[in-house]
Amino acid sequence: QVQIVESGGGSVQPGGSLRLSCAASGSLFRLYYMGWYRQAPGTQRELVAGITSSGTINYADSVKGRFTLSRDNAKNTVFLQMNSLKPEDTAVYYCNGRLTNQGSWWGQGTQVTVSS
């Protein structure tokens, strides 16, 4: 079973920045698709950004130009740098890793609150 652990959430004022980290276990990390999702109260979980094993990245339109996703295969970790944060970015952020024919794994989530 792959373990996913997120960190780096917190509270910040509008316009501020946060960096989320997601560490995954397993020797096949380099092959995982890794994604960050978020869920605000009363809404469905949505994809924020994802990165394939080859490094292709996709972003939700709402975060393009403000968020940057990267991965460090040597550390089995992905990072989500979030800049110019807005109140509407407030949500619980979840990290997901998946590998075809192996499974899909979720972390416990980390709260991000953007408020003045």
N, C-alpha and C. Protein backbone atom coordinates (compact mmCIF):
# COMPACT_ATOMS: atom_id res chain seq x y z
N GLN A 1 0.84 -1.20 0.00
CA GLN A 1 0.00 0.00 0.00
C GLN A 1 0.87 1.24 0.00
N VAL A 2 0.62 2.12 -0.94
CA VAL A 2 1.38 3.36 -1.03
C VAL A 2 0.85 4.36 -0.01
N GLN A 3 1.74 4.98 0.72
CA GLN A 3 1.37 6.01 1.68
C GLN A 3 1.62 7.38 1.06
N ILE A 4 0.64 8.26 1.24
CA ILE A 4 0.72 9.63 0.73
C ILE A 4 0.59 10.58 1.93
N VAL A 5 1.54 11.49 2.07
CA VAL A 5 1.52 12.42 3.19
C VAL A 5 1.71 13.84 2.68
N GLU A 6 0.71 14.70 2.96
CA GLU A 6 0.79 16.10 2.55
C GLU A 6 1.26 16.96 3.72
N SER A 7 1.86 18.08 3.38
CA SER A 7 2.25 19.05 4.39
C SER A 7 2.32 20.43 3.75
N GLY A 8 2.34 21.46 4.59
CA GLY A 8 2.55 22.81 4.09
C GLY A 8 1.32 23.69 4.06
N GLY A 9 0.17 23.18 4.45
CA GLY A 9 -1.00 24.03 4.47
C GLY A 9 -0.94 25.05 5.59
N GLY A 10 -1.91 25.94 5.60
CA GLY A 10 -1.95 26.96 6.65
C GLY A 10 -2.87 28.09 6.26
N SER A 11 -2.72 29.17 6.99
CA SER A 11 -3.51 30.37 6.76
C SER A 11 -2.63 31.49 6.20
N VAL A 12 -3.16 32.20 5.25
CA VAL A 12 -2.39 33.28 4.62
C VAL A 12 -3.36 34.36 4.16
N GLN A 13 -2.85 35.57 4.07
CA GLN A 13 -3.67 36.67 3.57
C GLN A 13 -3.74 36.63 2.05
N PRO A 14 -4.77 37.24 1.48
CA PRO A 14 -4.84 37.33 0.01
C PRO A 14 -3.58 37.94 -0.56
N GLY A 15 -3.12 37.33 -1.65
CA GLY A 15 -1.87 37.77 -2.26
C GLY A 15 -0.65 37.05 -1.76
N GLY A 16 -0.82 36.27 -0.71
CA GLY A 16 0.30 35.55 -0.12
C GLY A 16 0.61 34.26 -0.85
N SER A 17 1.59 33.54 -0.30
CA SER A 17 2.06 32.30 -0.92
C SER A 17 2.13 31.17 0.10
N LEU A 18 1.98 29.97 -0.41
CA LEU A 18 2.20 28.76 0.37
C LEU A 18 2.81 27.72 -0.55
N ARG A 19 3.56 26.80 0.05
CA ARG A 19 4.13 25.69 -0.71
C ARG A 19 3.68 24.39 -0.06
N LEU A 20 2.97 23.61 -0.83
CA LEU A 20 2.52 22.30 -0.36
C LEU A 20 3.48 21.22 -0.83
N SER A 21 3.70 20.25 0.05
CA SER A 21 4.53 19.10 -0.30
C SER A 21 3.72 17.83 -0.17
N CYS A 22 4.05 16.86 -1.01
CA CYS A 22 3.37 15.58 -0.97
C CYS A 22 4.43 14.50 -1.14
N ALA A 23 4.60 13.71 -0.11
CA ALA A 23 5.58 12.63 -0.14
C ALA A 23 4.85 11.30 -0.30
N ALA A 24 5.37 10.47 -1.19
CA ALA A 24 4.75 9.17 -1.45
C ALA A 24 5.76 8.06 -1.23
N SER A 25 5.29 6.95 -0.73
CA SER A 25 6.16 5.79 -0.54
C SER A 25 6.20 4.97 -1.83
N GLY A 26 7.11 4.03 -1.87
CA GLY A 26 7.15 3.13 -3.01
C GLY A 26 8.32 3.38 -3.93
N SER A 27 8.86 2.28 -4.43
CA SER A 27 10.03 2.37 -5.30
C SER A 27 9.67 2.76 -6.73
N LEU A 28 8.38 2.79 -7.05
CA LEU A 28 7.95 3.13 -8.41
C LEU A 28 7.45 4.56 -8.54
N PHE A 29 7.80 5.41 -7.58
CA PHE A 29 7.28 6.78 -7.56
C PHE A 29 7.47 7.46 -8.90
N ARG A 30 8.60 7.25 -9.54
CA ARG A 30 8.90 7.94 -10.78
C ARG A 30 7.86 7.64 -11.87
N LEU A 31 7.13 6.52 -11.70
CA LEU A 31 6.13 6.15 -12.69
C LEU A 31 4.73 6.67 -12.36
N TYR A 32 4.57 7.21 -11.15
CA TYR A 32 3.23 7.64 -10.73
C TYR A 32 2.81 8.91 -11.45
N TYR A 33 1.53 8.98 -11.78
CA TYR A 33 0.90 10.27 -12.04
C TYR A 33 0.58 10.86 -10.67
N MET A 34 0.95 12.10 -10.45
CA MET A 34 0.70 12.75 -9.17
C MET A 34 -0.18 13.98 -9.39
N GLY A 35 -1.18 14.12 -8.56
CA GLY A 35 -2.08 15.25 -8.72
C GLY A 35 -2.46 15.89 -7.39
N TRP A 36 -2.68 17.17 -7.44
CA TRP A 36 -3.24 17.91 -6.31
C TRP A 36 -4.69 18.23 -6.62
N TYR A 37 -5.56 17.94 -5.68
CA TYR A 37 -6.97 18.24 -5.78
C TYR A 37 -7.37 19.10 -4.60
N ARG A 38 -8.49 19.76 -4.71
CA ARG A 38 -8.98 20.53 -3.57
C ARG A 38 -10.50 20.41 -3.48
N GLN A 39 -10.96 20.60 -2.26
CA GLN A 39 -12.39 20.53 -2.01
C GLN A 39 -12.77 21.56 -0.97
N ALA A 40 -13.60 22.50 -1.40
CA ALA A 40 -14.16 23.49 -0.49
C ALA A 40 -15.49 22.98 0.04
N PRO A 41 -15.94 23.48 1.18
CA PRO A 41 -17.22 23.02 1.74
C PRO A 41 -18.35 23.16 0.74
N GLY A 42 -19.14 22.09 0.60
CA GLY A 42 -20.29 22.13 -0.28
C GLY A 42 -19.98 21.99 -1.76
N THR A 43 -18.73 21.69 -2.08
CA THR A 43 -18.36 21.55 -3.49
C THR A 43 -17.75 20.18 -3.73
N GLN A 44 -17.62 19.84 -5.02
CA GLN A 44 -16.97 18.58 -5.36
C GLN A 44 -15.46 18.77 -5.40
N ARG A 45 -14.77 17.68 -5.17
CA ARG A 45 -13.32 17.73 -5.27
C ARG A 45 -12.94 18.00 -6.72
N GLU A 46 -11.97 18.90 -6.90
CA GLU A 46 -11.57 19.26 -8.25
C GLU A 46 -10.05 19.16 -8.40
N LEU A 47 -9.63 18.86 -9.61
CA LEU A 47 -8.21 18.80 -9.90
C LEU A 47 -7.64 20.21 -9.95
N VAL A 48 -6.54 20.42 -9.25
CA VAL A 48 -5.84 21.70 -9.27
C VAL A 48 -4.69 21.64 -10.28
N ALA A 49 -3.89 20.59 -10.16
CA ALA A 49 -2.75 20.42 -11.06
C ALA A 49 -2.30 18.97 -11.00
N GLY A 50 -1.79 18.46 -12.12
CA GLY A 50 -1.30 17.10 -12.16
C GLY A 50 -0.05 17.01 -13.00
N ILE A 51 0.78 16.02 -12.70
CA ILE A 51 2.03 15.84 -13.43
C ILE A 51 2.22 14.36 -13.75
N THR A 52 2.53 14.08 -14.99
CA THR A 52 2.74 12.70 -15.41
C THR A 52 4.16 12.26 -15.07
N SER A 53 4.41 10.98 -15.30
CA SER A 53 5.74 10.45 -15.03
C SER A 53 6.79 11.07 -15.95
N SER A 54 6.39 11.53 -17.10
CA SER A 54 7.32 12.16 -18.03
C SER A 54 7.45 13.65 -17.81
N GLY A 55 6.70 14.19 -16.86
CA GLY A 55 6.84 15.59 -16.52
C GLY A 55 5.84 16.53 -17.16
N THR A 56 4.89 15.99 -17.90
CA THR A 56 3.84 16.84 -18.46
C THR A 56 2.91 17.31 -17.35
N ILE A 57 2.65 18.60 -17.34
CA ILE A 57 1.86 19.20 -16.27
C ILE A 57 0.59 19.83 -16.85
N ASN A 58 -0.50 19.66 -16.15
CA ASN A 58 -1.73 20.37 -16.49
C ASN A 58 -2.26 21.08 -15.26
N TYR A 59 -2.85 22.23 -15.49
CA TYR A 59 -3.39 23.07 -14.41
C TYR A 59 -4.86 23.37 -14.67
N ALA A 60 -5.60 23.53 -13.60
CA ALA A 60 -6.94 24.06 -13.71
C ALA A 60 -6.83 25.51 -14.18
N ASP A 61 -7.79 25.95 -14.98
CA ASP A 61 -7.74 27.32 -15.49
C ASP A 61 -7.68 28.34 -14.36
N SER A 62 -8.31 28.03 -13.25
CA SER A 62 -8.40 28.99 -12.15
C SER A 62 -7.07 29.24 -11.46
N VAL A 63 -6.08 28.37 -11.69
CA VAL A 63 -4.79 28.54 -11.00
C VAL A 63 -3.63 28.78 -11.96
N LYS A 64 -3.90 28.74 -13.25
CA LYS A 64 -2.82 28.96 -14.22
C LYS A 64 -2.17 30.31 -14.00
N GLY A 65 -0.84 30.31 -14.04
CA GLY A 65 -0.10 31.54 -13.84
C GLY A 65 0.16 31.88 -12.38
N ARG A 66 -0.50 31.17 -11.47
CA ARG A 66 -0.30 31.45 -10.04
C ARG A 66 0.31 30.26 -9.30
N PHE A 67 -0.05 29.06 -9.72
CA PHE A 67 0.44 27.84 -9.07
C PHE A 67 1.47 27.16 -9.97
N THR A 68 2.45 26.54 -9.34
CA THR A 68 3.46 25.79 -10.07
C THR A 68 3.66 24.43 -9.42
N LEU A 69 3.51 23.40 -10.22
CA LEU A 69 3.68 22.03 -9.75
C LEU A 69 5.02 21.48 -10.22
N SER A 70 5.69 20.77 -9.34
CA SER A 70 6.96 20.14 -9.72
C SER A 70 7.10 18.83 -8.96
N ARG A 71 8.03 18.01 -9.44
CA ARG A 71 8.27 16.74 -8.77
C ARG A 71 9.76 16.50 -8.64
N ASP A 72 10.12 15.84 -7.56
CA ASP A 72 11.51 15.45 -7.32
C ASP A 72 11.50 13.95 -7.10
N ASN A 73 11.83 13.20 -8.14
CA ASN A 73 11.75 11.74 -8.03
C ASN A 73 12.78 11.18 -7.04
N ALA A 74 13.88 11.88 -6.87
CA ALA A 74 14.89 11.41 -5.91
C ALA A 74 14.36 11.45 -4.47
N LYS A 75 13.39 12.35 -4.24
CA LYS A 75 12.82 12.50 -2.90
C LYS A 75 11.40 11.94 -2.80
N ASN A 76 10.91 11.33 -3.88
CA ASN A 76 9.54 10.81 -3.90
C ASN A 76 8.53 11.88 -3.47
N THR A 77 8.73 13.08 -3.97
CA THR A 77 7.92 14.21 -3.51
C THR A 77 7.48 15.09 -4.68
N VAL A 78 6.26 15.61 -4.57
CA VAL A 78 5.82 16.65 -5.47
C VAL A 78 5.54 17.90 -4.65
N PHE A 79 5.70 19.04 -5.31
CA PHE A 79 5.53 20.33 -4.65
C PHE A 79 4.52 21.16 -5.42
N LEU A 80 3.69 21.87 -4.69
CA LEU A 80 2.76 22.81 -5.31
C LEU A 80 3.05 24.18 -4.72
N GLN A 81 3.68 25.02 -5.51
CA GLN A 81 3.94 26.40 -5.10
C GLN A 81 2.73 27.23 -5.48
N MET A 82 2.14 27.86 -4.49
CA MET A 82 0.92 28.63 -4.70
C MET A 82 1.20 30.09 -4.40
N ASN A 83 1.12 30.92 -5.40
CA ASN A 83 1.36 32.36 -5.26
C ASN A 83 0.08 33.13 -5.56
N SER A 84 0.08 34.39 -5.17
CA SER A 84 -1.08 35.25 -5.42
C SER A 84 -2.37 34.59 -5.00
N LEU A 85 -2.37 34.06 -3.81
CA LEU A 85 -3.53 33.31 -3.34
C LEU A 85 -4.74 34.21 -3.16
N LYS A 86 -5.90 33.63 -3.44
CA LYS A 86 -7.17 34.33 -3.37
C LYS A 86 -8.07 33.62 -2.35
N PRO A 87 -9.04 34.32 -1.82
CA PRO A 87 -9.96 33.67 -0.88
C PRO A 87 -10.64 32.44 -1.48
N GLU A 88 -10.88 32.46 -2.78
CA GLU A 88 -11.52 31.31 -3.42
C GLU A 88 -10.60 30.10 -3.53
N ASP A 89 -9.34 30.25 -3.17
CA ASP A 89 -8.44 29.10 -3.12
C ASP A 89 -8.58 28.33 -1.80
N THR A 90 -9.35 28.88 -0.89
CA THR A 90 -9.56 28.22 0.40
C THR A 90 -10.23 26.86 0.21
N ALA A 91 -9.59 25.83 0.74
CA ALA A 91 -10.11 24.46 0.57
C ALA A 91 -9.18 23.51 1.32
N VAL A 92 -9.62 22.27 1.40
CA VAL A 92 -8.72 21.20 1.81
C VAL A 92 -8.06 20.68 0.54
N TYR A 93 -6.75 20.62 0.56
CA TYR A 93 -5.98 20.18 -0.60
C TYR A 93 -5.53 18.74 -0.37
N TYR A 94 -5.80 17.91 -1.36
CA TYR A 94 -5.47 16.49 -1.28
C TYR A 94 -4.47 16.13 -2.38
N CYS A 95 -3.54 15.28 -2.02
CA CYS A 95 -2.60 14.75 -2.99
C CYS A 95 -3.02 13.34 -3.37
N ASN A 96 -2.89 13.05 -4.65
CA ASN A 96 -3.24 11.72 -5.17
C ASN A 96 -2.11 11.19 -6.02
N GLY A 97 -1.82 9.94 -5.82
CA GLY A 97 -0.87 9.27 -6.69
C GLY A 97 -1.55 8.06 -7.31
N ARG A 98 -1.23 7.80 -8.57
CA ARG A 98 -1.81 6.62 -9.17
C ARG A 98 -0.88 6.05 -10.23
N LEU A 99 -1.04 4.75 -10.41
CA LEU A 99 -0.24 4.01 -11.37
C LEU A 99 -1.13 2.97 -12.00
N THR A 100 -1.16 2.95 -13.31
CA THR A 100 -2.02 2.03 -14.05
C THR A 100 -1.81 0.60 -13.59
N ASN A 101 -2.93 -0.08 -13.33
CA ASN A 101 -2.94 -1.48 -12.90
C ASN A 101 -2.36 -1.71 -11.51
N GLN A 102 -2.04 -0.61 -10.81
CA GLN A 102 -1.53 -0.75 -9.45
C GLN A 102 -2.49 -0.17 -8.43
N GLY A 103 -3.03 0.98 -8.72
CA GLY A 103 -3.96 1.58 -7.78
C GLY A 103 -3.91 3.09 -7.78
N SER A 104 -4.73 3.67 -6.89
CA SER A 104 -4.81 5.10 -6.69
C SER A 104 -4.83 5.36 -5.20
N TRP A 105 -4.03 6.31 -4.77
CA TRP A 105 -3.85 6.52 -3.34
C TRP A 105 -4.01 7.99 -2.99
N TRP A 106 -4.65 8.25 -1.86
CA TRP A 106 -4.93 9.61 -1.42
C TRP A 106 -4.26 9.89 -0.07
N GLY A 107 -3.88 11.13 0.10
CA GLY A 107 -3.42 11.59 1.39
C GLY A 107 -4.59 12.03 2.25
N GLN A 108 -4.28 12.47 3.44
CA GLN A 108 -5.32 12.85 4.40
C GLN A 108 -5.83 14.26 4.18
N GLY A 109 -5.13 15.04 3.40
CA GLY A 109 -5.54 16.41 3.12
C GLY A 109 -4.87 17.42 4.02
N THR A 110 -4.71 18.62 3.51
CA THR A 110 -4.15 19.72 4.30
C THR A 110 -4.98 20.97 4.01
N GLN A 111 -5.30 21.69 5.07
CA GLN A 111 -6.18 22.86 4.94
C GLN A 111 -5.40 24.08 4.48
N VAL A 112 -5.95 24.77 3.50
CA VAL A 112 -5.42 26.05 3.05
C VAL A 112 -6.53 27.08 3.23
N THR A 113 -6.24 28.13 3.98
CA THR A 113 -7.21 29.18 4.23
C THR A 113 -6.62 30.52 3.80
N VAL A 114 -7.33 31.20 2.93
CA VAL A 114 -6.88 32.51 2.45
C VAL A 114 -7.91 33.54 2.91
N SER A 115 -7.49 34.38 3.82
CA SER A 115 -8.44 35.33 4.41
C SER A 115 -7.69 36.52 4.98
N SER A 116 -8.34 37.67 4.90
CA SER A 116 -7.76 38.86 5.51
C SER A 116 -8.27 39.02 6.94
